[in-house]
Amino acid sequence: MKQSVPTLHRQATRLSFPRSSRGGGIAFVVRDSLCPRLTTTTDVPFRHSSFELVHVSVALRQRCLQLFCLYRPPPNKKNQLTDSLFFQEFPDLLEHCNTVKGSLLVVGDFNIHVDVPTNPLAVRLSALLDDFGLDQAVTFPTHQRGHTLDLVLHRHDDDVLQSTDADYTLDQSDHYCVVSQLRLSCLPRPPVYVEARKLSTVDLTI
């Protein structure tokens, strides 16, 4: 996938990863002050055709934030994807997540009804997250039809996630906006040194 980085305005940059075969894709809007400390990649050491994935790493003052954003298309005859393929490939991502240092978040549209306790896919996903020591933070509907499809995963023993809520004011999509507050401190800005002299010491007769 090609990456484009056009500037939106003076304080933010868009990192977009469009699909090559059809519309849509994954994108980030990032504050410009974080860009020098941010790296993105679509390269991971395992194959994954059942979901799209982008890894963003941000170096901060006290810790590094490792953010994996994915989109899992609903399986159908046209894309030839299956639920079984996803559950073969997704553990490879979780294994890879165990190798990265810092605070971890895995976010995105999983297209699994985790709000239905008896849903076989939800049961299977929950067991898999337990095996890897991960919690799922979204407990509210993220789709207009009332299901929870968009998830935020984090480690059991990490306090990086402070809160996760829904923003229902954005109606341009059939998915609601999931907003998370994180416990992070940015690196201090480098000091700016300015030389100056008192105007009262200037000899105006010269």
N, C-alpha and C. Protein backbone atom coordinates (compact mmCIF):
# COMPACT_ATOMS: atom_id res chain seq x y z
N MET A 1 0.84 -1.19 0.00
CA MET A 1 0.00 0.00 0.00
C MET A 1 0.87 1.24 0.00
N LYS A 2 0.46 2.28 -0.73
CA LYS A 2 1.22 3.50 -0.77
C LYS A 2 0.87 4.40 0.39
N GLN A 3 1.86 5.14 0.86
CA GLN A 3 1.65 6.07 1.97
C GLN A 3 1.76 7.49 1.45
N SER A 4 0.80 8.31 1.79
CA SER A 4 0.87 9.72 1.44
C SER A 4 0.80 10.54 2.71
N VAL A 5 1.54 11.65 2.75
CA VAL A 5 1.60 12.45 3.97
C VAL A 5 1.35 13.91 3.62
N PRO A 6 0.14 14.26 3.18
CA PRO A 6 -0.16 15.67 2.93
C PRO A 6 -0.47 16.39 4.24
N THR A 7 -0.10 17.67 4.33
CA THR A 7 -0.37 18.45 5.53
C THR A 7 -1.81 18.94 5.52
N LEU A 8 -2.53 18.70 6.61
CA LEU A 8 -3.91 19.17 6.71
C LEU A 8 -3.94 20.64 7.11
N HIS A 9 -3.21 21.00 8.14
CA HIS A 9 -3.08 22.38 8.56
C HIS A 9 -1.80 22.48 9.38
N ARG A 10 -1.59 23.58 10.03
CA ARG A 10 -0.30 23.84 10.63
C ARG A 10 0.03 22.91 11.78
N GLN A 11 -0.97 22.27 12.38
CA GLN A 11 -0.72 21.50 13.59
C GLN A 11 -0.95 20.01 13.42
N ALA A 12 -1.35 19.53 12.26
CA ALA A 12 -1.65 18.10 12.11
C ALA A 12 -1.23 17.60 10.74
N THR A 13 -0.90 16.32 10.70
CA THR A 13 -0.51 15.65 9.46
C THR A 13 -1.33 14.38 9.32
N ARG A 14 -1.71 14.06 8.09
CA ARG A 14 -2.46 12.84 7.84
C ARG A 14 -1.53 11.76 7.29
N LEU A 15 -1.61 10.59 7.90
CA LEU A 15 -0.89 9.42 7.41
C LEU A 15 -1.92 8.45 6.87
N SER A 16 -1.97 8.26 5.55
CA SER A 16 -3.03 7.44 4.97
C SER A 16 -2.44 6.22 4.29
N PHE A 17 -3.17 5.09 4.40
CA PHE A 17 -2.76 3.82 3.82
C PHE A 17 -3.95 3.27 3.04
N PRO A 18 -4.19 3.79 1.82
CA PRO A 18 -5.37 3.38 1.05
C PRO A 18 -5.24 1.97 0.51
N ARG A 19 -6.39 1.34 0.29
CA ARG A 19 -6.40 0.02 -0.33
C ARG A 19 -6.05 0.14 -1.80
N SER A 20 -5.37 -0.84 -2.31
CA SER A 20 -4.98 -0.81 -3.72
C SER A 20 -6.08 -1.32 -4.63
N SER A 21 -6.99 -2.14 -4.10
CA SER A 21 -7.99 -2.79 -4.93
C SER A 21 -9.34 -2.08 -4.91
N ARG A 22 -9.65 -1.35 -3.84
CA ARG A 22 -10.95 -0.69 -3.74
C ARG A 22 -10.80 0.50 -2.80
N GLY A 23 -11.88 1.25 -2.61
CA GLY A 23 -11.81 2.44 -1.78
C GLY A 23 -11.63 2.13 -0.30
N GLY A 24 -11.26 3.17 0.43
CA GLY A 24 -11.10 3.02 1.88
C GLY A 24 -9.67 2.70 2.26
N GLY A 25 -9.48 2.34 3.53
CA GLY A 25 -8.16 2.02 4.04
C GLY A 25 -8.04 2.49 5.47
N ILE A 26 -6.81 2.57 5.95
CA ILE A 26 -6.52 3.01 7.32
C ILE A 26 -5.80 4.35 7.24
N ALA A 27 -6.15 5.27 8.15
CA ALA A 27 -5.50 6.58 8.16
C ALA A 27 -5.36 7.08 9.59
N PHE A 28 -4.37 7.94 9.81
CA PHE A 28 -4.15 8.59 11.09
C PHE A 28 -4.07 10.09 10.87
N VAL A 29 -4.59 10.84 11.83
CA VAL A 29 -4.36 12.29 11.87
C VAL A 29 -3.53 12.54 13.11
N VAL A 30 -2.31 13.05 12.90
CA VAL A 30 -1.32 13.12 13.97
C VAL A 30 -0.90 14.57 14.19
N ARG A 31 -0.83 14.97 15.44
CA ARG A 31 -0.34 16.31 15.78
C ARG A 31 1.10 16.45 15.30
N ASP A 32 1.41 17.56 14.67
CA ASP A 32 2.74 17.76 14.10
C ASP A 32 3.85 17.65 15.13
N SER A 33 3.57 18.03 16.37
CA SER A 33 4.62 17.98 17.40
C SER A 33 5.05 16.54 17.69
N LEU A 34 4.22 15.54 17.32
CA LEU A 34 4.59 14.14 17.54
C LEU A 34 5.30 13.53 16.34
N CYS A 35 5.19 14.15 15.18
CA CYS A 35 5.70 13.52 13.96
C CYS A 35 7.19 13.19 14.01
N PRO A 36 8.07 14.05 14.55
CA PRO A 36 9.48 13.66 14.61
C PRO A 36 9.73 12.44 15.49
N ARG A 37 8.79 12.11 16.36
CA ARG A 37 8.97 10.98 17.26
C ARG A 37 8.08 9.80 16.87
N LEU A 38 7.50 9.88 15.66
CA LEU A 38 6.54 8.87 15.22
C LEU A 38 7.09 8.12 14.01
N THR A 39 6.97 6.79 14.04
CA THR A 39 7.31 5.97 12.89
C THR A 39 6.12 5.07 12.56
N THR A 40 5.88 4.85 11.28
CA THR A 40 4.77 3.99 10.85
C THR A 40 5.29 2.94 9.89
N THR A 41 4.63 1.79 9.90
CA THR A 41 5.01 0.73 8.97
C THR A 41 3.84 -0.20 8.73
N THR A 42 3.78 -0.76 7.53
CA THR A 42 2.84 -1.83 7.22
C THR A 42 3.55 -3.17 7.13
N ASP A 43 4.87 -3.16 7.39
CA ASP A 43 5.68 -4.38 7.30
C ASP A 43 5.73 -5.08 8.65
N VAL A 44 5.26 -6.30 8.70
CA VAL A 44 5.32 -7.13 9.91
C VAL A 44 5.85 -8.50 9.51
N PRO A 45 6.47 -9.21 10.44
CA PRO A 45 7.12 -10.49 10.09
C PRO A 45 6.17 -11.68 10.01
N PHE A 46 4.99 -11.48 9.46
CA PHE A 46 4.06 -12.59 9.27
C PHE A 46 3.06 -12.20 8.19
N ARG A 47 2.48 -13.20 7.57
CA ARG A 47 1.50 -12.95 6.52
C ARG A 47 0.12 -12.71 7.13
N HIS A 48 -0.62 -11.80 6.52
CA HIS A 48 -1.98 -11.55 7.00
C HIS A 48 -2.83 -11.04 5.84
N SER A 49 -3.70 -11.87 5.37
CA SER A 49 -4.60 -11.48 4.29
C SER A 49 -6.03 -11.28 4.80
N SER A 50 -6.31 -11.68 6.03
CA SER A 50 -7.66 -11.56 6.57
C SER A 50 -7.92 -10.22 7.24
N PHE A 51 -6.89 -9.38 7.39
CA PHE A 51 -7.08 -8.05 7.96
C PHE A 51 -5.99 -7.12 7.46
N GLU A 52 -6.32 -5.82 7.42
CA GLU A 52 -5.35 -4.77 7.09
C GLU A 52 -4.71 -4.29 8.39
N LEU A 53 -3.43 -3.87 8.32
CA LEU A 53 -2.72 -3.55 9.55
C LEU A 53 -1.70 -2.45 9.31
N VAL A 54 -1.64 -1.51 10.25
CA VAL A 54 -0.60 -0.49 10.28
C VAL A 54 -0.08 -0.39 11.71
N HIS A 55 1.23 -0.30 11.86
CA HIS A 55 1.88 -0.19 13.17
C HIS A 55 2.46 1.21 13.30
N VAL A 56 2.07 1.92 14.36
CA VAL A 56 2.59 3.25 14.66
C VAL A 56 3.30 3.20 16.01
N SER A 57 4.52 3.73 16.05
CA SER A 57 5.30 3.77 17.28
C SER A 57 5.63 5.23 17.60
N VAL A 58 5.32 5.65 18.83
CA VAL A 58 5.56 7.04 19.25
C VAL A 58 6.47 7.02 20.47
N ALA A 59 7.61 7.69 20.39
CA ALA A 59 8.53 7.80 21.51
C ALA A 59 8.12 8.98 22.38
N LEU A 60 7.79 8.71 23.63
CA LEU A 60 7.33 9.74 24.55
C LEU A 60 8.29 9.86 25.72
N ARG A 61 7.97 10.74 26.65
CA ARG A 61 8.90 11.04 27.74
C ARG A 61 9.15 9.83 28.63
N GLN A 62 8.10 9.19 29.11
CA GLN A 62 8.24 8.12 30.08
C GLN A 62 8.15 6.73 29.48
N ARG A 63 7.60 6.61 28.31
CA ARG A 63 7.42 5.30 27.69
C ARG A 63 7.22 5.45 26.19
N CYS A 64 7.24 4.33 25.52
CA CYS A 64 6.97 4.30 24.07
C CYS A 64 5.58 3.71 23.86
N LEU A 65 4.80 4.32 22.99
CA LEU A 65 3.46 3.82 22.68
C LEU A 65 3.52 3.05 21.38
N GLN A 66 3.11 1.78 21.43
CA GLN A 66 3.03 0.92 20.25
C GLN A 66 1.54 0.76 19.89
N LEU A 67 1.15 1.32 18.77
CA LEU A 67 -0.24 1.31 18.35
C LEU A 67 -0.39 0.49 17.07
N PHE A 68 -1.19 -0.56 17.16
CA PHE A 68 -1.51 -1.39 15.98
C PHE A 68 -2.97 -1.13 15.62
N CYS A 69 -3.19 -0.64 14.41
CA CYS A 69 -4.54 -0.37 13.95
C CYS A 69 -4.88 -1.35 12.83
N LEU A 70 -6.00 -2.04 12.96
CA LEU A 70 -6.37 -3.03 11.94
C LEU A 70 -7.82 -2.87 11.52
N TYR A 71 -8.09 -3.38 10.35
CA TYR A 71 -9.46 -3.48 9.84
C TYR A 71 -9.65 -4.89 9.30
N ARG A 72 -10.67 -5.56 9.82
CA ARG A 72 -11.00 -6.91 9.37
C ARG A 72 -12.25 -6.85 8.50
N PRO A 73 -12.13 -7.04 7.18
CA PRO A 73 -13.31 -7.03 6.32
C PRO A 73 -14.22 -8.21 6.67
N PRO A 74 -15.53 -8.03 6.60
CA PRO A 74 -16.43 -9.16 6.83
C PRO A 74 -16.20 -10.23 5.77
N PRO A 75 -16.02 -11.48 6.15
CA PRO A 75 -15.79 -12.54 5.16
C PRO A 75 -17.01 -12.73 4.25
N ASN A 76 -16.76 -12.94 2.96
CA ASN A 76 -17.84 -13.24 2.02
C ASN A 76 -17.24 -14.00 0.83
N LYS A 77 -18.10 -14.42 -0.06
CA LYS A 77 -17.64 -15.21 -1.21
C LYS A 77 -16.76 -14.39 -2.15
N LYS A 78 -17.03 -13.08 -2.22
CA LYS A 78 -16.28 -12.24 -3.14
C LYS A 78 -14.83 -12.08 -2.70
N ASN A 79 -14.61 -11.77 -1.41
CA ASN A 79 -13.23 -11.59 -0.94
C ASN A 79 -12.56 -12.91 -0.54
N GLN A 80 -13.35 -13.98 -0.48
CA GLN A 80 -12.83 -15.33 -0.18
C GLN A 80 -12.13 -15.40 1.18
N LEU A 81 -12.53 -14.53 2.08
CA LEU A 81 -11.99 -14.58 3.44
C LEU A 81 -12.90 -15.43 4.31
N THR A 82 -12.33 -15.99 5.37
CA THR A 82 -13.10 -16.83 6.29
C THR A 82 -12.76 -16.47 7.72
N ASP A 83 -13.65 -16.82 8.63
CA ASP A 83 -13.38 -16.63 10.05
C ASP A 83 -12.20 -17.48 10.50
N SER A 84 -12.10 -18.67 9.96
CA SER A 84 -11.00 -19.57 10.33
C SER A 84 -9.65 -18.96 9.97
N LEU A 85 -9.58 -18.31 8.81
CA LEU A 85 -8.32 -17.69 8.40
C LEU A 85 -7.93 -16.57 9.36
N PHE A 86 -8.91 -15.77 9.79
CA PHE A 86 -8.60 -14.70 10.74
C PHE A 86 -8.02 -15.27 12.04
N PHE A 87 -8.61 -16.34 12.54
CA PHE A 87 -8.14 -16.89 13.81
C PHE A 87 -6.85 -17.71 13.64
N GLN A 88 -6.44 -17.95 12.42
CA GLN A 88 -5.11 -18.49 12.17
C GLN A 88 -4.06 -17.38 12.16
N GLU A 89 -4.43 -16.21 11.64
CA GLU A 89 -3.48 -15.12 11.45
C GLU A 89 -3.41 -14.16 12.64
N PHE A 90 -4.52 -13.92 13.29
CA PHE A 90 -4.53 -12.94 14.38
C PHE A 90 -3.60 -13.32 15.53
N PRO A 91 -3.49 -14.60 15.92
CA PRO A 91 -2.50 -14.95 16.96
C PRO A 91 -1.07 -14.58 16.58
N ASP A 92 -0.75 -14.58 15.28
CA ASP A 92 0.59 -14.16 14.85
C ASP A 92 0.82 -12.68 15.17
N LEU A 93 -0.22 -11.87 15.02
CA LEU A 93 -0.11 -10.47 15.39
C LEU A 93 0.11 -10.33 16.90
N LEU A 94 -0.64 -11.08 17.69
CA LEU A 94 -0.50 -10.99 19.14
C LEU A 94 0.87 -11.48 19.59
N GLU A 95 1.40 -12.49 18.93
CA GLU A 95 2.77 -12.94 19.22
C GLU A 95 3.76 -11.82 18.92
N HIS A 96 3.56 -11.15 17.80
CA HIS A 96 4.45 -10.05 17.43
C HIS A 96 4.34 -8.91 18.43
N CYS A 97 3.14 -8.64 18.92
CA CYS A 97 2.94 -7.58 19.91
C CYS A 97 3.73 -7.84 21.18
N ASN A 98 3.92 -9.11 21.52
CA ASN A 98 4.69 -9.46 22.71
C ASN A 98 6.16 -9.10 22.58
N THR A 99 6.63 -8.86 21.35
CA THR A 99 8.05 -8.56 21.14
C THR A 99 8.35 -7.07 21.16
N VAL A 100 7.33 -6.21 21.12
CA VAL A 100 7.58 -4.77 21.09
C VAL A 100 7.61 -4.22 22.50
N LYS A 101 8.48 -3.25 22.73
CA LYS A 101 8.64 -2.65 24.05
C LYS A 101 7.77 -1.41 24.18
N GLY A 102 7.25 -1.20 25.38
CA GLY A 102 6.43 -0.03 25.64
C GLY A 102 4.98 -0.40 25.85
N SER A 103 4.15 0.63 25.95
CA SER A 103 2.72 0.43 26.12
C SER A 103 2.09 0.02 24.80
N LEU A 104 1.14 -0.90 24.87
CA LEU A 104 0.55 -1.50 23.67
C LEU A 104 -0.93 -1.20 23.59
N LEU A 105 -1.38 -0.80 22.39
CA LEU A 105 -2.80 -0.70 22.07
C LEU A 105 -3.02 -1.33 20.71
N VAL A 106 -4.02 -2.21 20.63
CA VAL A 106 -4.45 -2.79 19.36
C VAL A 106 -5.88 -2.33 19.15
N VAL A 107 -6.11 -1.52 18.13
CA VAL A 107 -7.42 -0.91 17.93
C VAL A 107 -7.90 -1.17 16.51
N GLY A 108 -9.22 -1.07 16.32
CA GLY A 108 -9.73 -1.19 14.96
C GLY A 108 -11.10 -1.84 14.90
N ASP A 109 -11.55 -2.02 13.68
CA ASP A 109 -12.85 -2.62 13.39
C ASP A 109 -12.64 -4.12 13.16
N PHE A 110 -13.06 -4.93 14.13
CA PHE A 110 -12.88 -6.38 14.05
C PHE A 110 -14.06 -7.08 13.38
N ASN A 111 -15.19 -6.38 13.25
CA ASN A 111 -16.40 -6.97 12.66
C ASN A 111 -16.78 -8.28 13.35
N ILE A 112 -16.68 -8.28 14.68
CA ILE A 112 -17.13 -9.40 15.51
C ILE A 112 -18.06 -8.83 16.58
N HIS A 113 -19.21 -9.42 16.77
CA HIS A 113 -20.20 -8.92 17.73
C HIS A 113 -19.79 -9.35 19.15
N VAL A 114 -18.83 -8.62 19.72
CA VAL A 114 -18.35 -9.00 21.05
C VAL A 114 -19.37 -8.71 22.14
N ASP A 115 -20.43 -7.95 21.81
CA ASP A 115 -21.48 -7.65 22.77
C ASP A 115 -22.44 -8.82 22.95
N VAL A 116 -22.34 -9.83 22.10
CA VAL A 116 -23.20 -11.01 22.19
C VAL A 116 -22.40 -12.15 22.84
N PRO A 117 -22.62 -12.43 24.12
CA PRO A 117 -21.79 -13.41 24.83
C PRO A 117 -21.81 -14.80 24.21
N THR A 118 -22.90 -15.15 23.53
CA THR A 118 -23.01 -16.49 22.96
C THR A 118 -22.49 -16.57 21.53
N ASN A 119 -22.06 -15.45 20.97
CA ASN A 119 -21.52 -15.45 19.61
C ASN A 119 -20.24 -16.28 19.58
N PRO A 120 -20.17 -17.32 18.75
CA PRO A 120 -18.98 -18.19 18.74
C PRO A 120 -17.68 -17.45 18.45
N LEU A 121 -17.73 -16.46 17.56
CA LEU A 121 -16.52 -15.70 17.26
C LEU A 121 -16.10 -14.84 18.44
N ALA A 122 -17.09 -14.26 19.14
CA ALA A 122 -16.78 -13.45 20.31
C ALA A 122 -16.17 -14.31 21.42
N VAL A 123 -16.71 -15.50 21.60
CA VAL A 123 -16.18 -16.42 22.62
C VAL A 123 -14.74 -16.81 22.27
N ARG A 124 -14.51 -17.09 21.02
CA ARG A 124 -13.17 -17.49 20.58
C ARG A 124 -12.18 -16.35 20.72
N LEU A 125 -12.60 -15.14 20.37
CA LEU A 125 -11.73 -13.98 20.50
C LEU A 125 -11.41 -13.69 21.96
N SER A 126 -12.41 -13.76 22.83
CA SER A 126 -12.20 -13.51 24.25
C SER A 126 -11.19 -14.49 24.85
N ALA A 127 -11.30 -15.76 24.50
CA ALA A 127 -10.35 -16.76 25.00
C ALA A 127 -8.94 -16.48 24.49
N LEU A 128 -8.84 -16.03 23.25
CA LEU A 128 -7.53 -15.73 22.67
C LEU A 128 -6.89 -14.54 23.37
N LEU A 129 -7.68 -13.51 23.67
CA LEU A 129 -7.14 -12.35 24.37
C LEU A 129 -6.68 -12.71 25.77
N ASP A 130 -7.43 -13.58 26.44
CA ASP A 130 -7.01 -14.04 27.77
C ASP A 130 -5.67 -14.77 27.70
N ASP A 131 -5.48 -15.57 26.68
CA ASP A 131 -4.24 -16.32 26.53
C ASP A 131 -3.04 -15.38 26.39
N PHE A 132 -3.26 -14.21 25.79
CA PHE A 132 -2.16 -13.27 25.56
C PHE A 132 -2.15 -12.13 26.59
N GLY A 133 -2.94 -12.23 27.63
CA GLY A 133 -2.92 -11.22 28.69
C GLY A 133 -3.43 -9.86 28.26
N LEU A 134 -4.49 -9.86 27.44
CA LEU A 134 -5.04 -8.61 26.94
C LEU A 134 -6.47 -8.40 27.42
N ASP A 135 -6.82 -7.15 27.63
CA ASP A 135 -8.18 -6.76 27.98
C ASP A 135 -8.80 -6.00 26.81
N GLN A 136 -10.13 -6.08 26.71
CA GLN A 136 -10.90 -5.36 25.69
C GLN A 136 -11.69 -4.28 26.40
N ALA A 137 -11.47 -3.00 26.01
CA ALA A 137 -11.98 -1.88 26.81
C ALA A 137 -13.33 -1.34 26.35
N VAL A 138 -13.80 -1.68 25.16
CA VAL A 138 -15.03 -1.09 24.63
C VAL A 138 -16.23 -1.89 25.11
N THR A 139 -17.12 -1.22 25.83
CA THR A 139 -18.29 -1.90 26.42
C THR A 139 -19.61 -1.30 25.95
N PHE A 140 -19.58 -0.53 24.87
CA PHE A 140 -20.77 0.16 24.38
C PHE A 140 -20.92 -0.11 22.89
N PRO A 141 -22.10 0.12 22.32
CA PRO A 141 -22.28 -0.09 20.88
C PRO A 141 -21.41 0.87 20.07
N THR A 142 -20.80 0.34 19.02
CA THR A 142 -19.99 1.19 18.13
C THR A 142 -20.57 1.23 16.72
N HIS A 143 -21.71 0.60 16.52
CA HIS A 143 -22.35 0.56 15.21
C HIS A 143 -23.80 0.97 15.35
N GLN A 144 -24.35 1.57 14.30
CA GLN A 144 -25.72 2.06 14.35
C GLN A 144 -26.74 0.95 14.60
N ARG A 145 -26.39 -0.28 14.27
CA ARG A 145 -27.31 -1.39 14.51
C ARG A 145 -27.20 -1.95 15.92
N GLY A 146 -26.36 -1.33 16.74
CA GLY A 146 -26.34 -1.67 18.15
C GLY A 146 -25.27 -2.63 18.60
N HIS A 147 -24.39 -3.06 17.71
CA HIS A 147 -23.37 -4.03 18.09
C HIS A 147 -22.02 -3.35 18.36
N THR A 148 -21.16 -4.05 19.09
CA THR A 148 -19.82 -3.58 19.40
C THR A 148 -18.84 -4.28 18.47
N LEU A 149 -18.36 -3.53 17.47
CA LEU A 149 -17.47 -4.08 16.46
C LEU A 149 -16.07 -3.50 16.53
N ASP A 150 -15.95 -2.27 17.05
CA ASP A 150 -14.68 -1.55 17.10
C ASP A 150 -14.09 -1.69 18.50
N LEU A 151 -12.88 -2.22 18.57
CA LEU A 151 -12.32 -2.63 19.86
C LEU A 151 -11.04 -1.87 20.17
N VAL A 152 -10.73 -1.81 21.48
CA VAL A 152 -9.47 -1.26 21.98
C VAL A 152 -8.88 -2.29 22.93
N LEU A 153 -7.77 -2.88 22.54
CA LEU A 153 -7.12 -3.92 23.33
C LEU A 153 -5.88 -3.36 24.00
N HIS A 154 -5.66 -3.77 25.25
CA HIS A 154 -4.47 -3.33 25.98
C HIS A 154 -4.04 -4.42 26.95
N ARG A 155 -2.83 -4.35 27.42
CA ARG A 155 -2.29 -5.37 28.32
C ARG A 155 -2.94 -5.28 29.69
N HIS A 156 -3.09 -6.46 30.34
CA HIS A 156 -3.67 -6.52 31.68
C HIS A 156 -2.96 -5.59 32.64
N ASP A 157 -1.62 -5.61 32.61
CA ASP A 157 -0.82 -4.95 33.64
C ASP A 157 -0.32 -3.58 33.22
N ASP A 158 -0.94 -2.97 32.21
CA ASP A 158 -0.52 -1.66 31.75
C ASP A 158 -1.63 -0.65 32.04
N ASP A 159 -1.25 0.49 32.62
CA ASP A 159 -2.24 1.51 32.98
C ASP A 159 -2.32 2.63 31.95
N VAL A 160 -1.85 2.37 30.72
CA VAL A 160 -1.82 3.43 29.72
C VAL A 160 -3.22 3.93 29.38
N LEU A 161 -4.21 3.06 29.44
CA LEU A 161 -5.57 3.44 29.04
C LEU A 161 -6.33 3.99 30.25
N GLN A 162 -6.70 5.25 30.18
CA GLN A 162 -7.42 5.89 31.28
C GLN A 162 -8.93 5.72 31.14
N SER A 163 -9.46 5.93 29.93
CA SER A 163 -10.90 5.79 29.72
C SER A 163 -11.16 5.58 28.23
N THR A 164 -12.31 4.97 27.93
CA THR A 164 -12.75 4.78 26.55
C THR A 164 -14.24 5.06 26.48
N ASP A 165 -14.62 5.97 25.60
CA ASP A 165 -16.02 6.38 25.48
C ASP A 165 -16.40 6.49 24.00
N ALA A 166 -17.69 6.67 23.76
CA ALA A 166 -18.20 6.83 22.40
C ALA A 166 -18.58 8.29 22.16
N ASP A 167 -18.33 8.74 20.94
CA ASP A 167 -18.78 10.06 20.51
C ASP A 167 -19.87 9.85 19.47
N TYR A 168 -21.11 10.12 19.85
CA TYR A 168 -22.24 9.86 18.97
C TYR A 168 -22.60 11.08 18.13
N THR A 169 -21.80 12.14 18.17
CA THR A 169 -22.13 13.36 17.44
C THR A 169 -21.71 13.29 15.98
N LEU A 170 -20.80 12.38 15.64
CA LEU A 170 -20.35 12.24 14.25
C LEU A 170 -21.25 11.24 13.53
N ASP A 171 -21.98 11.71 12.53
CA ASP A 171 -22.97 10.85 11.85
C ASP A 171 -22.62 10.62 10.39
N GLN A 172 -21.35 10.82 9.99
CA GLN A 172 -20.98 10.59 8.60
C GLN A 172 -20.72 9.12 8.30
N SER A 173 -20.74 8.28 9.31
CA SER A 173 -20.46 6.86 9.14
C SER A 173 -21.48 6.03 9.89
N ASP A 174 -21.61 4.76 9.52
CA ASP A 174 -22.49 3.88 10.28
C ASP A 174 -21.81 3.37 11.55
N HIS A 175 -20.51 3.70 11.72
CA HIS A 175 -19.79 3.40 12.96
C HIS A 175 -19.67 4.66 13.79
N TYR A 176 -19.76 4.52 15.10
CA TYR A 176 -19.54 5.65 15.99
C TYR A 176 -18.04 5.82 16.26
N CYS A 177 -17.68 7.01 16.70
CA CYS A 177 -16.29 7.32 17.01
C CYS A 177 -15.96 6.83 18.42
N VAL A 178 -14.88 6.07 18.55
CA VAL A 178 -14.41 5.59 19.86
C VAL A 178 -13.27 6.50 20.31
N VAL A 179 -13.44 7.11 21.47
CA VAL A 179 -12.47 8.09 21.98
C VAL A 179 -11.81 7.53 23.25
N SER A 180 -10.49 7.46 23.25
CA SER A 180 -9.76 6.95 24.41
C SER A 180 -8.84 8.03 24.96
N GLN A 181 -8.82 8.14 26.29
CA GLN A 181 -7.88 9.01 26.98
C GLN A 181 -6.73 8.15 27.49
N LEU A 182 -5.48 8.58 27.23
CA LEU A 182 -4.30 7.81 27.61
C LEU A 182 -3.49 8.53 28.68
N ARG A 183 -2.80 7.75 29.47
CA ARG A 183 -1.88 8.29 30.46
C ARG A 183 -0.48 8.33 29.85
N LEU A 184 -0.18 9.44 29.19
CA LEU A 184 1.10 9.58 28.51
C LEU A 184 1.64 10.98 28.73
N SER A 185 2.94 11.10 28.75
CA SER A 185 3.60 12.39 28.85
C SER A 185 4.51 12.56 27.65
N CYS A 186 4.36 13.68 26.96
CA CYS A 186 5.18 13.93 25.78
C CYS A 186 6.58 14.38 26.20
N LEU A 187 7.52 14.19 25.29
CA LEU A 187 8.87 14.68 25.53
C LEU A 187 8.86 16.20 25.62
N PRO A 188 9.68 16.77 26.51
CA PRO A 188 9.71 18.23 26.59
C PRO A 188 10.28 18.83 25.32
N ARG A 189 9.77 19.98 24.95
CA ARG A 189 10.28 20.66 23.78
C ARG A 189 11.69 21.17 24.06
N PRO A 190 12.57 21.19 23.05
CA PRO A 190 13.93 21.68 23.29
C PRO A 190 13.91 23.15 23.63
N PRO A 191 14.80 23.59 24.54
CA PRO A 191 14.79 25.01 24.92
C PRO A 191 15.21 25.90 23.77
N VAL A 192 14.65 27.08 23.75
CA VAL A 192 14.99 28.09 22.75
C VAL A 192 15.75 29.20 23.44
N TYR A 193 16.97 29.48 23.00
CA TYR A 193 17.81 30.50 23.61
C TYR A 193 17.75 31.77 22.75
N VAL A 194 17.48 32.89 23.40
CA VAL A 194 17.37 34.17 22.72
C VAL A 194 18.32 35.16 23.39
N GLU A 195 19.16 35.80 22.58
CA GLU A 195 20.06 36.84 23.10
C GLU A 195 19.37 38.19 22.99
N ALA A 196 19.47 38.95 24.05
CA ALA A 196 18.82 40.26 24.08
C ALA A 196 19.68 41.23 24.90
N ARG A 197 19.41 42.50 24.73
CA ARG A 197 20.11 43.52 25.51
C ARG A 197 19.09 44.56 25.94
N LYS A 198 19.37 45.22 27.07
CA LYS A 198 18.47 46.24 27.57
C LYS A 198 18.54 47.47 26.70
N LEU A 199 17.36 47.97 26.30
CA LEU A 199 17.33 49.17 25.48
C LEU A 199 17.91 50.38 26.21
N SER A 200 17.82 50.35 27.55
CA SER A 200 18.34 51.50 28.30
C SER A 200 19.85 51.61 28.24
N THR A 201 20.52 50.51 27.83
CA THR A 201 21.98 50.55 27.75
C THR A 201 22.48 50.97 26.37
N VAL A 202 21.56 51.17 25.44
CA VAL A 202 21.97 51.55 24.09
C VAL A 202 22.35 53.01 24.05
N ASP A 203 23.53 53.31 23.49
CA ASP A 203 23.99 54.71 23.39
C ASP A 203 23.41 55.31 22.12
N LEU A 204 22.41 56.14 22.27
CA LEU A 204 21.70 56.71 21.13
C LEU A 204 22.47 57.84 20.47
N THR A 205 23.60 58.28 21.05
CA THR A 205 24.38 59.39 20.48
C THR A 205 25.34 58.90 19.40
N ILE A 206 25.51 57.58 19.26
CA ILE A 206 26.45 57.05 18.28
C ILE A 206 25.78 56.99 16.91
